[in-house]
PDB file of all heavy atoms in Angstrom:
ATOM      1  N   VAL A   1     262.868  91.772  83.554  1.00  0.00           N
ATOM      2  CA  VAL A   1     264.032  92.065  82.709  1.00  0.00           C
ATOM      3  C   VAL A   1     265.021  92.940  83.468  1.00  0.00           C
ATOM      4  O   VAL A   1     264.680  93.533  84.497  1.00  0.00           O
ATOM      5  CB  VAL A   1     263.592  92.777  81.403  1.00  0.00           C
ATOM      6  CG1 VAL A   1     262.659  91.888  80.583  1.00  0.00           C
ATOM      7  CG2 VAL A   1     262.932  94.116  81.702  1.00  0.00           C
ATOM      8  N   PRO A   2     266.270  93.045  82.985  1.00  0.00           N
ATOM      9  CA  PRO A   2     267.222  93.958  83.618  1.00  0.00           C
ATOM     10  C   PRO A   2     266.704  95.393  83.616  1.00  0.00           C
ATOM     11  O   PRO A   2     265.926  95.791  82.735  1.00  0.00           O
ATOM     12  CB  PRO A   2     268.472  93.821  82.744  1.00  0.00           C
ATOM     13  CG  PRO A   2     268.355  92.463  82.131  1.00  0.00           C
ATOM     14  CD  PRO A   2     266.892  92.256  81.898  1.00  0.00           C
ATOM     15  N   LEU A   3     267.141  96.167  84.601  1.00  0.00           N
ATOM     16  CA  LEU A   3     266.669  97.551  84.723  1.00  0.00           C
ATOM     17  C   LEU A   3     266.936  98.377  83.479  1.00  0.00           C
ATOM     18  O   LEU A   3     266.147  99.256  83.121  1.00  0.00           O
ATOM     19  CB  LEU A   3     267.335  98.228  85.932  1.00  0.00           C
ATOM     20  CG  LEU A   3     266.806  97.855  87.316  1.00  0.00           C
ATOM     21  CD1 LEU A   3     267.656  98.527  88.393  1.00  0.00           C
ATOM     22  CD2 LEU A   3     265.340  98.266  87.466  1.00  0.00           C
ATOM     23  N   ASP A   4     268.047  98.110  82.803  1.00  0.00           N
ATOM     24  CA  ASP A   4     268.403  98.913  81.638  1.00  0.00           C
ATOM     25  C   ASP A   4     267.873  98.335  80.332  1.00  0.00           C
ATOM     26  O   ASP A   4     268.234  98.805  79.246  1.00  0.00           O
ATOM     27  CB  ASP A   4     269.919  99.094  81.553  1.00  0.00           C
ATOM     28  CG  ASP A   4     270.668  97.759  81.454  1.00  0.00           C
ATOM     29  OD1 ASP A   4     270.010  96.698  81.513  1.00  0.00           O
ATOM     30  OD2 ASP A   4     271.915  97.794  81.331  1.00  0.00           O
ATOM     31  N   ASP A   5     267.006  97.314  80.419  1.00  0.00           N
ATOM     32  CA  ASP A   5     266.458  96.719  79.201  1.00  0.00           C
ATOM     33  C   ASP A   5     265.610  97.747  78.459  1.00  0.00           C
ATOM     34  O   ASP A   5     264.895  98.550  79.069  1.00  0.00           O
ATOM     35  CB  ASP A   5     265.596  95.504  79.550  1.00  0.00           C
ATOM     36  CG  ASP A   5     265.485  94.520  78.405  1.00  0.00           C
ATOM     37  OD1 ASP A   5     266.536  94.045  77.953  1.00  0.00           O
ATOM     38  OD2 ASP A   5     264.367  94.228  77.984  1.00  0.00           O
ATOM     39  N   GLU A   6     265.674  97.715  77.136  1.00  0.00           N
ATOM     40  CA  GLU A   6     264.934  98.660  76.314  1.00  0.00           C
ATOM     41  C   GLU A   6     263.427  98.524  76.565  1.00  0.00           C
ATOM     42  O   GLU A   6     262.898  97.424  76.692  1.00  0.00           O
ATOM     43  CB  GLU A   6     265.224  98.396  74.840  1.00  0.00           C
ATOM     44  CG  GLU A   6     264.531  99.334  73.879  1.00  0.00           C
ATOM     45  CD  GLU A   6     264.827  98.998  72.428  1.00  0.00           C
ATOM     46  OE1 GLU A   6     265.434  97.938  72.175  1.00  0.00           O
ATOM     47  OE2 GLU A   6     264.433  99.794  71.552  1.00  0.00           O
ATOM     48  N   VAL A   7     262.751  99.655  76.664  1.00  0.00           N
ATOM     49  CA  VAL A   7     261.304  99.651  76.862  1.00  0.00           C
ATOM     50  C   VAL A   7     260.614  99.557  75.502  1.00  0.00           C
ATOM     51  O   VAL A   7     260.751 100.449  74.665  1.00  0.00           O
ATOM     52  CB  VAL A   7     260.829 100.916  77.609  1.00  0.00           C
ATOM     53  CG1 VAL A   7     259.301 100.932  77.707  1.00  0.00           C
ATOM     54  CG2 VAL A   7     261.453 100.977  78.999  1.00  0.00           C
ATOM     55  N   ILE A   8     259.894  98.454  75.296  1.00  0.00           N
ATOM     56  CA  ILE A   8     259.141  98.265  74.057  1.00  0.00           C
ATOM     57  C   ILE A   8     257.735  97.829  74.433  1.00  0.00           C
ATOM     58  O   ILE A   8     257.541  96.743  74.991  1.00  0.00           O
ATOM     59  CB  ILE A   8     259.779  97.189  73.146  1.00  0.00           C
ATOM     60  CG1 ILE A   8     261.242  97.518  72.841  1.00  0.00           C
ATOM     61  CG2 ILE A   8     258.989  97.064  71.855  1.00  0.00           C
ATOM     62  CD1 ILE A   8     261.943  96.445  72.032  1.00  0.00           C
ATOM     63  N   ALA A   9     256.750  98.665  74.182  1.00  0.00           N
ATOM     64  CA  ALA A   9     255.365  98.298  74.457  1.00  0.00           C
ATOM     65  C   ALA A   9     254.991  97.087  73.608  1.00  0.00           C
ATOM     66  O   ALA A   9     255.476  96.913  72.486  1.00  0.00           O
ATOM     67  CB  ALA A   9     254.437  99.467  74.150  1.00  0.00           C
ATOM     68  N   ASP A  10     254.128  96.245  74.155  1.00  0.00           N
ATOM     69  CA  ASP A  10     253.785  94.996  73.478  1.00  0.00           C
ATOM     70  C   ASP A  10     253.319  95.198  72.047  1.00  0.00           C
ATOM     71  O   ASP A  10     253.651  94.419  71.149  1.00  0.00           O
ATOM     72  CB  ASP A  10     252.688  94.260  74.262  1.00  0.00           C
ATOM     73  CG  ASP A  10     253.243  93.475  75.443  1.00  0.00           C
ATOM     74  OD1 ASP A  10     254.474  93.488  75.633  1.00  0.00           O
ATOM     75  OD2 ASP A  10     252.450  92.859  76.162  1.00  0.00           O
ATOM     76  N   GLU A  11     252.544  96.276  71.814  1.00  0.00           N
ATOM     77  CA  GLU A  11     252.012  96.467  70.467  1.00  0.00           C
ATOM     78  C   GLU A  11     253.089  96.826  69.449  1.00  0.00           C
ATOM     79  O   GLU A  11     252.856  96.779  68.235  1.00  0.00           O
ATOM     80  CB  GLU A  11     250.914  97.535  70.460  1.00  0.00           C
ATOM     81  CG  GLU A  11     251.363  98.909  70.948  1.00  0.00           C
ATOM     82  CD  GLU A  11     251.065  99.124  72.417  1.00  0.00           C
ATOM     83  OE1 GLU A  11     251.032  98.125  73.170  1.00  0.00           O
ATOM     84  OE2 GLU A  11     250.874 100.273  72.813  1.00  0.00           O
ATOM     85  N   ASN A  12     254.287  97.167  69.945  1.00  0.00           N
ATOM     86  CA  ASN A  12     255.396  97.521  69.047  1.00  0.00           C
ATOM     87  C   ASN A  12     256.425  96.403  68.894  1.00  0.00           C
ATOM     88  O   ASN A  12     257.460  96.592  68.243  1.00  0.00           O
ATOM     89  CB  ASN A  12     256.093  98.782  69.560  1.00  0.00           C
ATOM     90  CG  ASN A  12     255.178  99.988  69.561  1.00  0.00           C
ATOM     91  OD1 ASN A  12     254.334 100.140  68.669  1.00  0.00           O
ATOM     92  ND2 ASN A  12     255.308 100.841  70.567  1.00  0.00           N
ATOM     93  N   VAL A  13     256.145  95.248  69.481  1.00  0.00           N
ATOM     94  CA  VAL A  13     257.089  94.132  69.413  1.00  0.00           C
ATOM     95  C   VAL A  13     257.098  93.542  68.009  1.00  0.00           C
ATOM     96  O   VAL A  13     256.040  93.264  67.422  1.00  0.00           O
ATOM     97  CB  VAL A  13     256.720  93.045  70.442  1.00  0.00           C
ATOM     98  CG1 VAL A  13     257.506  91.767  70.194  1.00  0.00           C
ATOM     99  CG2 VAL A  13     256.977  93.547  71.861  1.00  0.00           C
ATOM    100  N   GLU A  14     258.290  93.330  67.475  1.00  0.00           N
ATOM    101  CA  GLU A  14     258.426  92.671  66.184  1.00  0.00           C
ATOM    102  C   GLU A  14     258.298  91.162  66.397  1.00  0.00           C
ATOM    103  O   GLU A  14     259.037  90.572  67.175  1.00  0.00           O
ATOM    104  CB  GLU A  14     259.786  93.000  65.555  1.00  0.00           C
ATOM    105  CG  GLU A  14     259.999  92.354  64.194  1.00  0.00           C
ATOM    106  CD  GLU A  14     261.378  92.637  63.623  1.00  0.00           C
ATOM    107  OE1 GLU A  14     262.148  93.392  64.264  1.00  0.00           O
ATOM    108  OE2 GLU A  14     261.689  92.095  62.543  1.00  0.00           O
ATOM    109  N   THR A  15     257.345  90.551  65.711  1.00  0.00           N
ATOM    110  CA  THR A  15     257.081  89.133  65.895  1.00  0.00           C
ATOM    111  C   THR A  15     258.139  88.279  65.195  1.00  0.00           C
ATOM    112  O   THR A  15     258.393  88.456  64.005  1.00  0.00           O
ATOM    113  CB  THR A  15     255.685  88.771  65.344  1.00  0.00           C
ATOM    114  OG1 THR A  15     254.705  89.571  66.008  1.00  0.00           O
ATOM    115  CG2 THR A  15     255.379  87.309  65.575  1.00  0.00           C
ATOM    116  N   LYS A  16     258.743  87.368  65.969  1.00  0.00           N
ATOM    117  CA  LYS A  16     259.755  86.475  65.414  1.00  0.00           C
ATOM    118  C   LYS A  16     259.480  85.055  65.902  1.00  0.00           C
ATOM    119  O   LYS A  16     259.310  84.827  67.095  1.00  0.00           O
ATOM    120  CB  LYS A  16     261.165  86.894  65.860  1.00  0.00           C
ATOM    121  CG  LYS A  16     261.608  88.275  65.377  1.00  0.00           C
ATOM    122  CD  LYS A  16     263.009  88.590  65.901  1.00  0.00           C
ATOM    123  CE  LYS A  16     263.482  89.961  65.466  1.00  0.00           C
ATOM    124  NZ  LYS A  16     264.841  90.273  66.015  1.00  0.00           N
ATOM    125  N   TRP A  17     259.434  84.100  64.973  1.00  0.00           N
ATOM    126  CA  TRP A  17     259.176  82.714  65.322  1.00  0.00           C
ATOM    127  C   TRP A  17     260.248  81.812  64.718  1.00  0.00           C
ATOM    128  O   TRP A  17     260.702  82.048  63.605  1.00  0.00           O
ATOM    129  CB  TRP A  17     257.815  82.259  64.788  1.00  0.00           C
ATOM    130  CG  TRP A  17     256.634  82.955  65.381  1.00  0.00           C
ATOM    131  CD1 TRP A  17     255.849  83.903  64.777  1.00  0.00           C
ATOM    132  CD2 TRP A  17     256.090  82.773  66.683  1.00  0.00           C
ATOM    133  NE1 TRP A  17     254.848  84.310  65.627  1.00  0.00           N
ATOM    134  CE2 TRP A  17     254.976  83.627  66.810  1.00  0.00           C
ATOM    135  CE3 TRP A  17     256.437  81.945  67.765  1.00  0.00           C
ATOM    136  CZ2 TRP A  17     254.205  83.697  67.956  1.00  0.00           C
ATOM    137  CZ3 TRP A  17     255.674  82.022  68.920  1.00  0.00           C
ATOM    138  CH2 TRP A  17     254.573  82.881  69.011  1.00  0.00           C
ATOM    139  N   ASP A  18     260.623  80.796  65.475  1.00  0.00           N
ATOM    140  CA  ASP A  18     261.491  79.730  64.983  1.00  0.00           C
ATOM    141  C   ASP A  18     260.608  78.501  64.779  1.00  0.00           C
ATOM    142  O   ASP A  18     260.259  77.807  65.737  1.00  0.00           O
ATOM    143  CB  ASP A  18     262.595  79.458  66.015  1.00  0.00           C
ATOM    144  CG  ASP A  18     263.505  78.309  65.603  1.00  0.00           C
ATOM    145  OD1 ASP A  18     263.433  77.880  64.431  1.00  0.00           O
ATOM    146  OD2 ASP A  18     264.279  77.847  66.457  1.00  0.00           O
ATOM    147  N   VAL A  19     260.226  78.246  63.539  1.00  0.00           N
ATOM    148  CA  VAL A  19     259.293  77.161  63.235  1.00  0.00           C
ATOM    149  C   VAL A  19     260.039  75.824  63.267  1.00  0.00           C
ATOM    150  O   VAL A  19     261.094  75.675  62.652  1.00  0.00           O
ATOM    151  CB  VAL A  19     258.636  77.376  61.857  1.00  0.00           C
ATOM    152  CG1 VAL A  19     257.658  76.236  61.553  1.00  0.00           C
ATOM    153  CG2 VAL A  19     257.912  78.720  61.820  1.00  0.00           C
ATOM    154  N   LEU A  20     259.477  74.866  64.000  1.00  0.00           N
ATOM    155  CA  LEU A  20     260.122  73.566  64.180  1.00  0.00           C
ATOM    156  C   LEU A  20     259.578  72.543  63.182  1.00  0.00           C
ATOM    157  O   LEU A  20     258.359  72.417  63.011  1.00  0.00           O
ATOM    158  CB  LEU A  20     259.883  73.045  65.596  1.00  0.00           C
ATOM    159  CG  LEU A  20     260.340  73.927  66.758  1.00  0.00           C
ATOM    160  CD1 LEU A  20     259.986  73.267  68.081  1.00  0.00           C
ATOM    161  CD2 LEU A  20     261.828  74.213  66.683  1.00  0.00           C
ATOM    162  N   ASP A  21     260.480  71.797  62.549  1.00  0.00           N
ATOM    163  CA  ASP A  21     260.018  70.651  61.768  1.00  0.00           C
ATOM    164  C   ASP A  21     259.794  69.478  62.725  1.00  0.00           C
ATOM    165  O   ASP A  21     260.082  69.565  63.928  1.00  0.00           O
ATOM    166  CB  ASP A  21     260.998  70.295  60.646  1.00  0.00           C
ATOM    167  CG  ASP A  21     262.396  69.928  61.156  1.00  0.00           C
ATOM    168  OD1 ASP A  21     262.524  69.508  62.325  1.00  0.00           O
ATOM    169  OD2 ASP A  21     263.359  70.051  60.372  1.00  0.00           O
ATOM    170  N   ASP A  22     259.285  68.374  62.224  1.00  0.00           N
ATOM    171  CA  ASP A  22     258.941  67.249  63.101  1.00  0.00           C
ATOM    172  C   ASP A  22     260.147  66.703  63.858  1.00  0.00           C
ATOM    173  O   ASP A  22     260.046  66.337  65.035  1.00  0.00           O
ATOM    174  CB  ASP A  22     258.289  66.128  62.290  1.00  0.00           C
ATOM    175  CG  ASP A  22     256.852  66.451  61.907  1.00  0.00           C
ATOM    176  OD1 ASP A  22     256.338  67.510  62.344  1.00  0.00           O
ATOM    177  OD2 ASP A  22     256.242  65.641  61.176  1.00  0.00           O
ATOM    178  N   ASP A  23     261.298  66.667  63.202  1.00  0.00           N
ATOM    179  CA  ASP A  23     262.490  66.125  63.857  1.00  0.00           C
ATOM    180  C   ASP A  23     262.893  66.995  65.047  1.00  0.00           C
ATOM    181  O   ASP A  23     263.170  66.479  66.143  1.00  0.00           O
ATOM    182  CB  ASP A  23     263.649  66.021  62.862  1.00  0.00           C
ATOM    183  CG  ASP A  23     263.437  64.914  61.837  1.00  0.00           C
ATOM    184  OD1 ASP A  23     262.679  63.975  62.140  1.00  0.00           O
ATOM    185  OD2 ASP A  23     264.032  64.994  60.741  1.00  0.00           O
ATOM    186  N   ARG A  24     262.936  68.307  64.839  1.00  0.00           N
ATOM    187  CA  ARG A  24     263.332  69.203  65.937  1.00  0.00           C
ATOM    188  C   ARG A  24     262.287  69.205  67.045  1.00  0.00           C
ATOM    189  O   ARG A  24     262.627  69.215  68.233  1.00  0.00           O
ATOM    190  CB  ARG A  24     263.546  70.624  65.421  1.00  0.00           C
ATOM    191  CG  ARG A  24     264.795  70.794  64.545  1.00  0.00           C
ATOM    192  CD  ARG A  24     264.939  72.262  64.124  1.00  0.00           C
ATOM    193  NE  ARG A  24     265.218  73.121  65.258  1.00  0.00           N
ATOM    194  CZ  ARG A  24     264.931  74.420  65.297  1.00  0.00           C
ATOM    195  NH1 ARG A  24     264.316  74.992  64.268  1.00  0.00           N
ATOM    196  NH2 ARG A  24     265.230  75.151  66.341  1.00  0.00           N
ATOM    197  N   LEU A  25     261.014  69.202  66.667  1.00  0.00           N
ATOM    198  CA  LEU A  25     259.963  69.189  67.681  1.00  0.00           C
ATOM    199  C   LEU A  25     260.060  67.927  68.529  1.00  0.00           C
ATOM    200  O   LEU A  25     259.969  67.989  69.761  1.00  0.00           O
ATOM    201  CB  LEU A  25     258.589  69.272  67.015  1.00  0.00           C
ATOM    202  CG  LEU A  25     257.378  69.151  67.949  1.00  0.00           C
ATOM    203  CD1 LEU A  25     257.395  70.245  69.009  1.00  0.00           C
ATOM    204  CD2 LEU A  25     256.082  69.196  67.150  1.00  0.00           C
TER     205      LEU A  25
END
């Protein structure tokens, strides 16, 4: 990542998913 990217430990990552329907998949 860029040097100035925010430091976020993995355990603090907010989980975000883009769920695909059959057409998009």
